[in-house]
Amino acid sequence: MKNQLLLILVGVFSWTGLFAQGNYEKGMQKAFQHWEAQETEQAVALFERIAQAESERWLPSYYAANVLISSSFMTQDKSRKQALLEKAKAYIAEAHERSSENSEVHTLEGLLYTAYVAMDPQTYAMQYGQKIMDLHQKAITLDKNNPRAHANLIEYEMGTARFFGQDLAPFCKRMQKVIPLFENQEKEMPFAPTYGLERAQRVAQSCQ
């Protein structure tokens, strides 16, 4: 997860270096710096303030949720995980309101519910399993070239297959086909998500 964060930040700073720095850009960069320093509360708080000031933009809410979901995977405290994910859910709802047919937001929501399943499979696997699949499929429908939607769907299906002792090789092969989507993705706006390549490569190679 830490390596994924570093890749997010590389993509962010390579983009914003091309533009004159306004308050929005400066604020977003500062929030990412907090996240890189593992100052998650400060990062979320700043993303939230930016979202309040920039009411038409979905990315600040998206990244506030992303910080919280990422943090949930890094703590063993179940009550803290629950609190982080419930807060992330609210930010995702806000991102949906601002960009209702957004593949990236649907993908992140799928990851949110995957985090619930990872936290407590017995409680949440049956409750959220189909929802996770549907969210990623919707994300792919909205943007067939969104590599994070494909990769997250494959990883979730792979986790289920692993639980039941099934062969994982077909999932590694599917992930291999997603890697070109990461390599060829276009940066359509500053701070747009571009991360995930390194993780997809590790998953694709995990069956070798």
N, C-alpha and C. Protein backbone atom coordinates (compact mmCIF):
# COMPACT_ATOMS: atom_id res chain seq x y z
N MET A 1 0.82 -1.21 0.00
CA MET A 1 0.00 0.00 0.00
C MET A 1 0.86 1.26 0.00
N LYS A 2 2.01 1.23 0.74
CA LYS A 2 2.91 2.39 0.76
C LYS A 2 3.50 2.63 -0.62
N ASN A 3 3.89 1.55 -1.33
CA ASN A 3 4.42 1.71 -2.68
C ASN A 3 3.38 2.30 -3.61
N GLN A 4 2.12 1.88 -3.43
CA GLN A 4 1.05 2.44 -4.26
C GLN A 4 0.90 3.93 -4.02
N LEU A 5 1.01 4.35 -2.75
CA LEU A 5 0.93 5.77 -2.44
C LEU A 5 2.03 6.54 -3.13
N LEU A 6 3.25 6.00 -3.12
CA LEU A 6 4.37 6.70 -3.78
C LEU A 6 4.09 6.87 -5.26
N LEU A 7 3.49 5.88 -5.89
CA LEU A 7 3.18 5.98 -7.32
C LEU A 7 2.08 7.00 -7.58
N ILE A 8 1.11 7.07 -6.66
CA ILE A 8 0.08 8.10 -6.77
C ILE A 8 0.74 9.48 -6.77
N LEU A 9 1.67 9.67 -5.84
CA LEU A 9 2.30 10.97 -5.68
C LEU A 9 3.17 11.33 -6.87
N VAL A 10 3.87 10.36 -7.42
CA VAL A 10 4.69 10.61 -8.61
C VAL A 10 3.81 11.13 -9.74
N GLY A 11 2.68 10.47 -9.95
CA GLY A 11 1.77 10.91 -11.01
C GLY A 11 1.22 12.29 -10.77
N VAL A 12 0.89 12.57 -9.51
CA VAL A 12 0.34 13.88 -9.16
C VAL A 12 1.32 14.99 -9.44
N PHE A 13 2.55 14.82 -8.94
CA PHE A 13 3.51 15.92 -9.04
C PHE A 13 4.05 16.09 -10.46
N SER A 14 4.09 15.03 -11.24
CA SER A 14 4.53 15.17 -12.62
C SER A 14 3.50 15.95 -13.43
N TRP A 15 2.25 15.83 -13.07
CA TRP A 15 1.20 16.56 -13.78
C TRP A 15 1.21 18.03 -13.38
N THR A 16 1.17 18.28 -12.07
CA THR A 16 0.98 19.65 -11.63
C THR A 16 2.18 20.53 -11.93
N GLY A 17 3.33 19.94 -12.18
CA GLY A 17 4.48 20.73 -12.56
C GLY A 17 4.31 21.43 -13.89
N LEU A 18 3.33 21.00 -14.68
CA LEU A 18 3.10 21.59 -15.99
C LEU A 18 2.21 22.83 -15.95
N PHE A 19 1.63 23.11 -14.78
CA PHE A 19 0.63 24.16 -14.71
C PHE A 19 1.05 25.25 -13.72
N ALA A 20 0.54 26.46 -13.96
CA ALA A 20 0.72 27.51 -12.98
C ALA A 20 0.03 27.09 -11.69
N GLN A 21 0.64 27.39 -10.57
CA GLN A 21 0.13 26.94 -9.28
C GLN A 21 -0.95 27.89 -8.76
N GLY A 22 -2.19 27.42 -8.73
CA GLY A 22 -3.25 28.16 -8.09
C GLY A 22 -3.49 27.62 -6.69
N ASN A 23 -4.49 28.19 -5.99
CA ASN A 23 -4.77 27.73 -4.63
C ASN A 23 -5.19 26.27 -4.60
N TYR A 24 -5.98 25.84 -5.58
CA TYR A 24 -6.41 24.45 -5.63
C TYR A 24 -5.21 23.52 -5.79
N GLU A 25 -4.34 23.82 -6.73
CA GLU A 25 -3.18 22.97 -6.98
C GLU A 25 -2.27 22.93 -5.75
N LYS A 26 -2.03 24.10 -5.15
CA LYS A 26 -1.16 24.15 -3.97
C LYS A 26 -1.76 23.35 -2.82
N GLY A 27 -3.07 23.51 -2.62
CA GLY A 27 -3.73 22.78 -1.55
C GLY A 27 -3.67 21.29 -1.76
N MET A 28 -3.91 20.84 -2.99
CA MET A 28 -3.88 19.41 -3.28
C MET A 28 -2.48 18.86 -3.08
N GLN A 29 -1.47 19.57 -3.54
CA GLN A 29 -0.10 19.10 -3.36
C GLN A 29 0.25 19.00 -1.87
N LYS A 30 -0.19 19.97 -1.09
CA LYS A 30 0.08 19.94 0.35
C LYS A 30 -0.61 18.74 0.98
N ALA A 31 -1.83 18.44 0.56
CA ALA A 31 -2.55 17.29 1.11
C ALA A 31 -1.82 15.99 0.77
N PHE A 32 -1.30 15.88 -0.45
CA PHE A 32 -0.54 14.69 -0.82
C PHE A 32 0.76 14.60 -0.02
N GLN A 33 1.35 15.72 0.28
CA GLN A 33 2.57 15.70 1.10
C GLN A 33 2.27 15.18 2.50
N HIS A 34 1.14 15.57 3.06
CA HIS A 34 0.73 15.03 4.36
C HIS A 34 0.55 13.51 4.25
N TRP A 35 -0.09 13.07 3.18
CA TRP A 35 -0.34 11.64 3.01
C TRP A 35 0.99 10.87 2.89
N GLU A 36 1.92 11.41 2.11
CA GLU A 36 3.23 10.78 1.94
C GLU A 36 3.94 10.66 3.28
N ALA A 37 3.77 11.65 4.14
CA ALA A 37 4.40 11.65 5.46
C ALA A 37 3.61 10.82 6.47
N GLN A 38 2.56 10.14 5.99
CA GLN A 38 1.68 9.31 6.83
C GLN A 38 0.95 10.15 7.88
N GLU A 39 0.76 11.42 7.57
CA GLU A 39 -0.04 12.30 8.41
C GLU A 39 -1.47 12.25 7.88
N THR A 40 -2.12 11.12 8.13
CA THR A 40 -3.39 10.86 7.44
C THR A 40 -4.50 11.80 7.89
N GLU A 41 -4.54 12.12 9.17
CA GLU A 41 -5.60 13.01 9.64
C GLU A 41 -5.48 14.38 8.99
N GLN A 42 -4.24 14.88 8.90
CA GLN A 42 -4.03 16.19 8.27
C GLN A 42 -4.37 16.12 6.78
N ALA A 43 -4.00 15.02 6.12
CA ALA A 43 -4.31 14.88 4.69
C ALA A 43 -5.80 14.88 4.46
N VAL A 44 -6.52 14.10 5.24
CA VAL A 44 -7.98 14.03 5.07
C VAL A 44 -8.62 15.38 5.36
N ALA A 45 -8.17 16.02 6.42
CA ALA A 45 -8.74 17.32 6.78
C ALA A 45 -8.53 18.35 5.67
N LEU A 46 -7.35 18.33 5.06
CA LEU A 46 -7.07 19.30 4.00
C LEU A 46 -7.85 18.96 2.74
N PHE A 47 -7.92 17.68 2.37
CA PHE A 47 -8.75 17.30 1.23
C PHE A 47 -10.21 17.74 1.46
N GLU A 48 -10.67 17.59 2.70
CA GLU A 48 -12.04 17.99 3.02
C GLU A 48 -12.23 19.50 2.86
N ARG A 49 -11.28 20.28 3.33
CA ARG A 49 -11.39 21.74 3.20
C ARG A 49 -11.38 22.14 1.72
N ILE A 50 -10.54 21.48 0.94
CA ILE A 50 -10.50 21.78 -0.49
C ILE A 50 -11.84 21.43 -1.14
N ALA A 51 -12.40 20.30 -0.74
CA ALA A 51 -13.70 19.88 -1.29
C ALA A 51 -14.78 20.90 -0.96
N GLN A 52 -14.72 21.45 0.23
CA GLN A 52 -15.71 22.46 0.62
C GLN A 52 -15.55 23.74 -0.19
N ALA A 53 -14.29 24.11 -0.46
CA ALA A 53 -14.03 25.33 -1.21
C ALA A 53 -14.26 25.16 -2.71
N GLU A 54 -14.06 23.93 -3.20
CA GLU A 54 -14.17 23.63 -4.63
C GLU A 54 -15.35 22.67 -4.84
N SER A 55 -16.55 23.21 -4.72
CA SER A 55 -17.74 22.36 -4.62
C SER A 55 -18.09 21.64 -5.93
N GLU A 56 -17.45 21.99 -7.03
CA GLU A 56 -17.71 21.31 -8.30
C GLU A 56 -16.72 20.19 -8.58
N ARG A 57 -15.70 20.07 -7.76
CA ARG A 57 -14.64 19.10 -8.03
C ARG A 57 -14.86 17.82 -7.23
N TRP A 58 -14.65 16.67 -7.87
CA TRP A 58 -14.83 15.39 -7.20
C TRP A 58 -13.54 14.81 -6.63
N LEU A 59 -12.40 15.24 -7.14
CA LEU A 59 -11.13 14.63 -6.74
C LEU A 59 -10.77 14.83 -5.26
N PRO A 60 -11.01 15.99 -4.64
CA PRO A 60 -10.67 16.11 -3.21
C PRO A 60 -11.43 15.10 -2.35
N SER A 61 -12.71 14.91 -2.61
CA SER A 61 -13.49 13.93 -1.85
C SER A 61 -13.01 12.52 -2.15
N TYR A 62 -12.69 12.26 -3.41
CA TYR A 62 -12.17 10.95 -3.82
C TYR A 62 -10.90 10.62 -3.04
N TYR A 63 -9.97 11.57 -2.96
CA TYR A 63 -8.71 11.29 -2.29
C TYR A 63 -8.86 11.25 -0.77
N ALA A 64 -9.79 12.03 -0.21
CA ALA A 64 -10.06 11.91 1.22
C ALA A 64 -10.49 10.48 1.55
N ALA A 65 -11.38 9.94 0.73
CA ALA A 65 -11.82 8.55 0.91
C ALA A 65 -10.67 7.58 0.69
N ASN A 66 -9.85 7.85 -0.31
CA ASN A 66 -8.73 6.96 -0.64
C ASN A 66 -7.74 6.87 0.53
N VAL A 67 -7.44 8.00 1.14
CA VAL A 67 -6.55 8.01 2.31
C VAL A 67 -7.12 7.12 3.41
N LEU A 68 -8.41 7.26 3.68
CA LEU A 68 -9.03 6.52 4.77
C LEU A 68 -9.07 5.02 4.48
N ILE A 69 -9.41 4.67 3.24
CA ILE A 69 -9.46 3.25 2.88
C ILE A 69 -8.06 2.64 2.96
N SER A 70 -7.07 3.35 2.42
CA SER A 70 -5.69 2.86 2.50
C SER A 70 -5.26 2.67 3.94
N SER A 71 -5.63 3.61 4.80
CA SER A 71 -5.27 3.54 6.22
C SER A 71 -5.92 2.34 6.89
N SER A 72 -7.13 1.98 6.44
CA SER A 72 -7.84 0.86 7.07
C SER A 72 -7.10 -0.46 6.86
N PHE A 73 -6.38 -0.57 5.74
CA PHE A 73 -5.62 -1.79 5.47
C PHE A 73 -4.34 -1.87 6.31
N MET A 74 -3.98 -0.76 6.94
CA MET A 74 -2.70 -0.69 7.65
C MET A 74 -2.84 -0.75 9.17
N THR A 75 -4.07 -0.93 9.65
CA THR A 75 -4.28 -1.05 11.09
C THR A 75 -4.95 -2.38 11.40
N GLN A 76 -4.62 -2.93 12.56
CA GLN A 76 -5.22 -4.19 13.00
C GLN A 76 -6.39 -3.96 13.94
N ASP A 77 -6.60 -2.71 14.32
CA ASP A 77 -7.68 -2.37 15.25
C ASP A 77 -9.01 -2.35 14.50
N LYS A 78 -9.87 -3.32 14.79
CA LYS A 78 -11.10 -3.46 14.03
C LYS A 78 -12.02 -2.26 14.21
N SER A 79 -12.10 -1.73 15.41
CA SER A 79 -12.97 -0.57 15.64
C SER A 79 -12.46 0.65 14.87
N ARG A 80 -11.14 0.79 14.79
CA ARG A 80 -10.57 1.91 14.01
C ARG A 80 -10.84 1.70 12.52
N LYS A 81 -10.66 0.45 12.05
CA LYS A 81 -10.98 0.16 10.65
C LYS A 81 -12.41 0.56 10.34
N GLN A 82 -13.32 0.16 11.20
CA GLN A 82 -14.74 0.46 10.99
C GLN A 82 -14.97 1.96 10.88
N ALA A 83 -14.36 2.71 11.79
CA ALA A 83 -14.53 4.16 11.80
C ALA A 83 -13.96 4.79 10.53
N LEU A 84 -12.79 4.33 10.10
CA LEU A 84 -12.18 4.87 8.88
C LEU A 84 -13.05 4.61 7.66
N LEU A 85 -13.60 3.41 7.57
CA LEU A 85 -14.39 3.05 6.40
C LEU A 85 -15.74 3.75 6.39
N GLU A 86 -16.32 3.94 7.54
CA GLU A 86 -17.59 4.67 7.59
C GLU A 86 -17.40 6.12 7.15
N LYS A 87 -16.29 6.71 7.57
CA LYS A 87 -15.99 8.08 7.15
C LYS A 87 -15.70 8.14 5.66
N ALA A 88 -14.97 7.14 5.15
CA ALA A 88 -14.67 7.09 3.71
C ALA A 88 -15.95 6.98 2.90
N LYS A 89 -16.91 6.23 3.41
CA LYS A 89 -18.18 6.05 2.71
C LYS A 89 -18.86 7.40 2.45
N ALA A 90 -18.78 8.30 3.43
CA ALA A 90 -19.40 9.62 3.27
C ALA A 90 -18.71 10.44 2.19
N TYR A 91 -17.38 10.35 2.13
CA TYR A 91 -16.65 11.09 1.09
C TYR A 91 -16.94 10.52 -0.30
N ILE A 92 -17.09 9.21 -0.39
CA ILE A 92 -17.42 8.61 -1.68
C ILE A 92 -18.80 9.05 -2.13
N ALA A 93 -19.73 9.12 -1.20
CA ALA A 93 -21.07 9.61 -1.54
C ALA A 93 -20.99 11.04 -2.08
N GLU A 94 -20.15 11.85 -1.47
CA GLU A 94 -19.97 13.22 -1.94
C GLU A 94 -19.36 13.25 -3.34
N ALA A 95 -18.38 12.39 -3.58
CA ALA A 95 -17.76 12.33 -4.92
C ALA A 95 -18.79 11.88 -5.95
N HIS A 96 -19.65 10.93 -5.61
CA HIS A 96 -20.72 10.50 -6.52
C HIS A 96 -21.66 11.66 -6.85
N GLU A 97 -21.99 12.47 -5.86
CA GLU A 97 -22.88 13.60 -6.09
C GLU A 97 -22.28 14.58 -7.08
N ARG A 98 -20.98 14.73 -7.05
CA ARG A 98 -20.31 15.71 -7.91
C ARG A 98 -19.97 15.14 -9.29
N SER A 99 -19.91 13.82 -9.39
CA SER A 99 -19.58 13.18 -10.66
C SER A 99 -20.23 11.80 -10.66
N SER A 100 -21.50 11.76 -11.02
CA SER A 100 -22.32 10.57 -10.77
C SER A 100 -21.96 9.38 -11.64
N GLU A 101 -21.48 9.60 -12.83
CA GLU A 101 -21.15 8.50 -13.73
C GLU A 101 -19.64 8.43 -13.92
N ASN A 102 -18.94 8.30 -12.82
CA ASN A 102 -17.48 8.38 -12.81
C ASN A 102 -16.90 7.01 -12.52
N SER A 103 -16.15 6.48 -13.46
CA SER A 103 -15.58 5.15 -13.32
C SER A 103 -14.65 5.05 -12.12
N GLU A 104 -13.85 6.08 -11.88
CA GLU A 104 -12.90 6.03 -10.77
C GLU A 104 -13.61 6.00 -9.42
N VAL A 105 -14.69 6.74 -9.28
CA VAL A 105 -15.41 6.76 -8.01
C VAL A 105 -16.07 5.42 -7.75
N HIS A 106 -16.64 4.81 -8.80
CA HIS A 106 -17.22 3.48 -8.64
C HIS A 106 -16.14 2.46 -8.27
N THR A 107 -14.97 2.59 -8.87
CA THR A 107 -13.86 1.68 -8.54
C THR A 107 -13.46 1.82 -7.09
N LEU A 108 -13.33 3.06 -6.62
CA LEU A 108 -12.94 3.27 -5.24
C LEU A 108 -14.00 2.76 -4.28
N GLU A 109 -15.26 2.90 -4.64
CA GLU A 109 -16.32 2.37 -3.79
C GLU A 109 -16.23 0.84 -3.72
N GLY A 110 -15.88 0.22 -4.83
CA GLY A 110 -15.65 -1.22 -4.81
C GLY A 110 -14.53 -1.60 -3.85
N LEU A 111 -13.47 -0.79 -3.82
CA LEU A 111 -12.37 -1.04 -2.90
C LEU A 111 -12.81 -0.83 -1.45
N LEU A 112 -13.67 0.15 -1.24
CA LEU A 112 -14.21 0.39 0.10
C LEU A 112 -14.86 -0.88 0.66
N TYR A 113 -15.74 -1.48 -0.14
CA TYR A 113 -16.45 -2.66 0.36
C TYR A 113 -15.53 -3.88 0.40
N THR A 114 -14.50 -3.89 -0.44
CA THR A 114 -13.48 -4.93 -0.32
C THR A 114 -12.77 -4.82 1.02
N ALA A 115 -12.54 -3.60 1.48
CA ALA A 115 -11.90 -3.40 2.78
C ALA A 115 -12.79 -3.92 3.91
N TYR A 116 -14.10 -3.75 3.76
CA TYR A 116 -15.01 -4.33 4.76
C TYR A 116 -14.87 -5.86 4.79
N VAL A 117 -14.83 -6.47 3.62
CA VAL A 117 -14.70 -7.93 3.55
C VAL A 117 -13.38 -8.38 4.15
N ALA A 118 -12.29 -7.66 3.85
CA ALA A 118 -10.98 -8.00 4.40
C ALA A 118 -10.98 -7.88 5.92
N MET A 119 -11.72 -6.92 6.43
CA MET A 119 -11.78 -6.70 7.87
C MET A 119 -12.51 -7.84 8.59
N ASP A 120 -13.60 -8.31 7.99
CA ASP A 120 -14.42 -9.34 8.65
C ASP A 120 -15.14 -10.15 7.58
N PRO A 121 -14.45 -11.14 6.99
CA PRO A 121 -15.05 -11.92 5.90
C PRO A 121 -16.35 -12.61 6.28
N GLN A 122 -16.43 -13.15 7.48
CA GLN A 122 -17.63 -13.86 7.87
C GLN A 122 -18.85 -12.96 7.91
N THR A 123 -18.63 -11.72 8.31
CA THR A 123 -19.75 -10.76 8.39
C THR A 123 -20.08 -10.15 7.04
N TYR A 124 -19.07 -9.80 6.26
CA TYR A 124 -19.31 -8.94 5.11
C TYR A 124 -19.19 -9.62 3.74
N ALA A 125 -18.60 -10.81 3.66
CA ALA A 125 -18.40 -11.42 2.34
C ALA A 125 -19.73 -11.66 1.63
N MET A 126 -20.68 -12.24 2.32
CA MET A 126 -21.99 -12.49 1.72
C MET A 126 -22.76 -11.19 1.49
N GLN A 127 -22.59 -10.26 2.41
CA GLN A 127 -23.33 -9.00 2.34
C GLN A 127 -22.88 -8.13 1.18
N TYR A 128 -21.55 -8.08 0.95
CA TYR A 128 -21.01 -7.13 0.00
C TYR A 128 -20.38 -7.75 -1.24
N GLY A 129 -20.28 -9.08 -1.28
CA GLY A 129 -19.57 -9.72 -2.40
C GLY A 129 -20.12 -9.33 -3.76
N GLN A 130 -21.42 -9.45 -3.95
CA GLN A 130 -22.01 -9.11 -5.24
C GLN A 130 -21.94 -7.61 -5.51
N LYS A 131 -22.07 -6.81 -4.46
CA LYS A 131 -21.99 -5.35 -4.61
C LYS A 131 -20.62 -4.95 -5.14
N ILE A 132 -19.57 -5.58 -4.62
CA ILE A 132 -18.21 -5.29 -5.08
C ILE A 132 -18.07 -5.61 -6.57
N MET A 133 -18.57 -6.77 -6.96
CA MET A 133 -18.51 -7.17 -8.37
C MET A 133 -19.27 -6.19 -9.24
N ASP A 134 -20.46 -5.81 -8.79
CA ASP A 134 -21.30 -4.90 -9.57
C ASP A 134 -20.66 -3.53 -9.72
N LEU A 135 -20.04 -3.02 -8.66
CA LEU A 135 -19.40 -1.71 -8.72
C LEU A 135 -18.25 -1.70 -9.71
N HIS A 136 -17.44 -2.75 -9.70
CA HIS A 136 -16.33 -2.80 -10.64
C HIS A 136 -16.82 -3.01 -12.08
N GLN A 137 -17.85 -3.80 -12.24
CA GLN A 137 -18.40 -3.98 -13.59
C GLN A 137 -18.99 -2.67 -14.10
N LYS A 138 -19.65 -1.92 -13.22
CA LYS A 138 -20.18 -0.61 -13.60
C LYS A 138 -19.04 0.33 -13.99
N ALA A 139 -17.96 0.29 -13.21
CA ALA A 139 -16.80 1.14 -13.51
C ALA A 139 -16.23 0.81 -14.88
N ILE A 140 -16.18 -0.47 -15.21
CA ILE A 140 -15.67 -0.89 -16.52
C ILE A 140 -16.62 -0.47 -17.63
N THR A 141 -17.92 -0.55 -17.37
CA THR A 141 -18.90 -0.10 -18.35
C THR A 141 -18.74 1.39 -18.64
N LEU A 142 -18.48 2.16 -17.58
CA LEU A 142 -18.31 3.61 -17.73
C LEU A 142 -17.01 3.96 -18.45
N ASP A 143 -15.98 3.15 -18.23
CA ASP A 143 -14.69 3.39 -18.89
C ASP A 143 -13.97 2.05 -19.03
N LYS A 144 -14.08 1.47 -20.20
CA LYS A 144 -13.49 0.14 -20.43
C LYS A 144 -11.97 0.15 -20.33
N ASN A 145 -11.36 1.33 -20.38
CA ASN A 145 -9.90 1.43 -20.31
C ASN A 145 -9.39 1.82 -18.93
N ASN A 146 -10.27 1.82 -17.93
CA ASN A 146 -9.84 2.14 -16.57
C ASN A 146 -9.12 0.93 -15.97
N PRO A 147 -7.81 0.99 -15.85
CA PRO A 147 -7.07 -0.20 -15.40
C PRO A 147 -7.36 -0.55 -13.96
N ARG A 148 -7.65 0.45 -13.10
CA ARG A 148 -7.92 0.16 -11.69
C ARG A 148 -9.21 -0.63 -11.53
N ALA A 149 -10.19 -0.37 -12.37
CA ALA A 149 -11.45 -1.12 -12.29
C ALA A 149 -11.20 -2.59 -12.63
N HIS A 150 -10.48 -2.84 -13.70
CA HIS A 150 -10.16 -4.22 -14.09
C HIS A 150 -9.31 -4.91 -13.03
N ALA A 151 -8.27 -4.22 -12.57
CA ALA A 151 -7.33 -4.83 -11.62
C ALA A 151 -7.99 -5.15 -10.29
N ASN A 152 -8.81 -4.22 -9.79
CA ASN A 152 -9.46 -4.47 -8.50
C ASN A 152 -10.47 -5.61 -8.60
N LEU A 153 -11.17 -5.69 -9.72
CA LEU A 153 -12.11 -6.79 -9.91
C LEU A 153 -11.37 -8.12 -9.93
N ILE A 154 -10.27 -8.18 -10.67
CA ILE A 154 -9.49 -9.43 -10.74
C ILE A 154 -8.96 -9.82 -9.37
N GLU A 155 -8.44 -8.84 -8.62
CA GLU A 155 -7.90 -9.15 -7.30
C GLU A 155 -8.99 -9.66 -6.35
N TYR A 156 -10.19 -9.08 -6.44
CA TYR A 156 -11.26 -9.56 -5.57
C TYR A 156 -11.64 -10.99 -5.94
N GLU A 157 -11.78 -11.25 -7.22
CA GLU A 157 -12.12 -12.60 -7.66
C GLU A 157 -11.00 -13.58 -7.31
N MET A 158 -9.79 -13.10 -7.38
CA MET A 158 -8.63 -13.93 -7.05
C MET A 158 -8.64 -14.30 -5.56
N GLY A 159 -9.00 -13.34 -4.71
CA GLY A 159 -9.09 -13.61 -3.29
C GLY A 159 -10.13 -14.66 -2.97
N THR A 160 -11.26 -14.58 -3.66
CA THR A 160 -12.32 -15.57 -3.47
C THR A 160 -11.84 -16.94 -3.92
N ALA A 161 -11.17 -16.99 -5.07
CA ALA A 161 -10.66 -18.26 -5.58
C ALA A 161 -9.62 -18.85 -4.63
N ARG A 162 -8.78 -18.01 -4.07
CA ARG A 162 -7.77 -18.48 -3.11
C ARG A 162 -8.44 -19.09 -1.88
N PHE A 163 -9.50 -18.45 -1.42
CA PHE A 163 -10.22 -18.94 -0.24
C PHE A 163 -10.76 -20.35 -0.47
N PHE A 164 -11.21 -20.61 -1.70
CA PHE A 164 -11.78 -21.91 -2.02
C PHE A 164 -10.77 -22.89 -2.60
N GLY A 165 -9.49 -22.50 -2.58
CA GLY A 165 -8.44 -23.40 -3.03
C GLY A 165 -8.40 -23.62 -4.53
N GLN A 166 -8.87 -22.65 -5.31
CA GLN A 166 -8.91 -22.79 -6.76
C GLN A 166 -7.59 -22.34 -7.39
N ASP A 167 -7.39 -22.72 -8.62
CA ASP A 167 -6.19 -22.36 -9.37
C ASP A 167 -6.19 -20.85 -9.63
N LEU A 168 -5.09 -20.20 -9.31
CA LEU A 168 -5.01 -18.75 -9.48
C LEU A 168 -4.40 -18.33 -10.81
N ALA A 169 -3.86 -19.27 -11.56
CA ALA A 169 -3.18 -18.93 -12.81
C ALA A 169 -4.06 -18.15 -13.79
N PRO A 170 -5.35 -18.50 -13.95
CA PRO A 170 -6.17 -17.72 -14.89
C PRO A 170 -6.29 -16.24 -14.50
N PHE A 171 -6.27 -15.97 -13.21
CA PHE A 171 -6.37 -14.58 -12.75
C PHE A 171 -5.07 -13.82 -13.03
N CYS A 172 -3.94 -14.50 -12.85
CA CYS A 172 -2.66 -13.87 -13.18
C CYS A 172 -2.59 -13.54 -14.67
N LYS A 173 -3.10 -14.43 -15.50
CA LYS A 173 -3.11 -14.18 -16.94
C LYS A 173 -4.01 -13.00 -17.29
N ARG A 174 -5.14 -12.92 -16.63
CA ARG A 174 -6.04 -11.78 -16.86
C ARG A 174 -5.38 -10.47 -16.43
N MET A 175 -4.67 -10.51 -15.30
CA MET A 175 -4.00 -9.30 -14.83
C MET A 175 -2.90 -8.87 -15.80
N GLN A 176 -2.23 -9.83 -16.39
CA GLN A 176 -1.18 -9.51 -17.36
C GLN A 176 -1.75 -8.68 -18.50
N LYS A 177 -2.99 -8.96 -18.88
CA LYS A 177 -3.63 -8.23 -19.98
C LYS A 177 -4.04 -6.81 -19.57
N VAL A 178 -4.11 -6.57 -18.26
CA VAL A 178 -4.49 -5.24 -17.78
C VAL A 178 -3.29 -4.29 -17.77
N ILE A 179 -2.09 -4.84 -17.68
CA ILE A 179 -0.89 -4.00 -17.55
C ILE A 179 -0.76 -2.98 -18.69
N PRO A 180 -1.04 -3.34 -19.96
CA PRO A 180 -0.97 -2.31 -21.00
C PRO A 180 -1.94 -1.15 -20.79
N LEU A 181 -3.07 -1.41 -20.12
CA LEU A 181 -4.00 -0.32 -19.83
C LEU A 181 -3.37 0.68 -18.87
N PHE A 182 -2.62 0.18 -17.90
CA PHE A 182 -1.88 1.08 -17.00
C PHE A 182 -0.82 1.86 -17.77
N GLU A 183 -0.10 1.16 -18.62
CA GLU A 183 1.02 1.79 -19.33
C GLU A 183 0.56 2.83 -20.34
N ASN A 184 -0.64 2.66 -20.87
CA ASN A 184 -1.13 3.55 -21.93
C ASN A 184 -2.17 4.55 -21.46
N GLN A 185 -2.47 4.59 -20.16
CA GLN A 185 -3.51 5.50 -19.70
C GLN A 185 -3.10 6.95 -19.90
N GLU A 186 -4.07 7.77 -20.21
CA GLU A 186 -3.83 9.19 -20.45
C GLU A 186 -4.21 9.98 -19.21
N LYS A 187 -3.44 11.00 -18.93
CA LYS A 187 -3.72 11.89 -17.80
C LYS A 187 -4.61 13.02 -18.28
N GLU A 188 -5.88 12.92 -17.97
CA GLU A 188 -6.85 13.85 -18.54
C GLU A 188 -6.95 15.16 -17.77
N MET A 189 -6.52 15.15 -16.52
CA MET A 189 -6.59 16.37 -15.70
C MET A 189 -5.57 16.28 -14.58
N PRO A 190 -5.17 17.41 -14.00
CA PRO A 190 -4.26 17.35 -12.85
C PRO A 190 -4.87 16.52 -11.72
N PHE A 191 -4.06 15.70 -11.10
CA PHE A 191 -4.43 14.87 -9.95
C PHE A 191 -5.31 13.67 -10.31
N ALA A 192 -5.59 13.45 -11.58
CA ALA A 192 -6.38 12.28 -11.96
C ALA A 192 -5.64 11.01 -11.56
N PRO A 193 -6.35 10.00 -11.08
CA PRO A 193 -5.67 8.75 -10.67
C PRO A 193 -4.95 8.08 -11.84
N THR A 194 -3.72 7.68 -11.60
CA THR A 194 -2.94 6.93 -12.59
C THR A 194 -2.18 5.77 -11.95
N TYR A 195 -2.40 5.55 -10.67
CA TYR A 195 -1.62 4.57 -9.92
C TYR A 195 -2.12 3.14 -10.16
N GLY A 196 -1.30 2.16 -9.74
CA GLY A 196 -1.72 0.78 -9.75
C GLY A 196 -0.87 -0.16 -10.57
N LEU A 197 0.01 0.37 -11.42
CA LEU A 197 0.79 -0.48 -12.32
C LEU A 197 1.67 -1.46 -11.55
N GLU A 198 2.41 -0.97 -10.56
CA GLU A 198 3.35 -1.82 -9.84
C GLU A 198 2.62 -2.97 -9.14
N ARG A 199 1.49 -2.68 -8.53
CA ARG A 199 0.73 -3.73 -7.86
C ARG A 199 0.21 -4.75 -8.87
N ALA A 200 -0.28 -4.28 -10.01
CA ALA A 200 -0.78 -5.20 -11.04
C ALA A 200 0.34 -6.11 -11.54
N GLN A 201 1.53 -5.56 -11.69
CA GLN A 201 2.66 -6.36 -12.12
C GLN A 201 2.99 -7.45 -11.10
N ARG A 202 2.94 -7.11 -9.81
CA ARG A 202 3.22 -8.11 -8.78
C ARG A 202 2.16 -9.22 -8.79
N VAL A 203 0.91 -8.85 -8.96
CA VAL A 203 -0.15 -9.85 -9.00
C VAL A 203 0.03 -10.75 -10.23
N ALA A 204 0.32 -10.14 -11.36
CA ALA A 204 0.48 -10.92 -12.59
C ALA A 204 1.62 -11.93 -12.49
N GLN A 205 2.65 -11.58 -11.72
CA GLN A 205 3.81 -12.45 -11.59
C GLN A 205 3.70 -13.44 -10.44
N SER A 206 2.65 -13.32 -9.64
CA SER A 206 2.56 -14.11 -8.41
C SER A 206 2.30 -15.59 -8.66
N CYS A 207 1.88 -15.96 -9.86
CA CYS A 207 1.63 -17.37 -10.18
C CYS A 207 2.85 -18.03 -10.79
N GLN A 208 3.90 -17.29 -11.02
CA GLN A 208 5.08 -17.87 -11.69
C GLN A 208 5.94 -18.65 -10.70
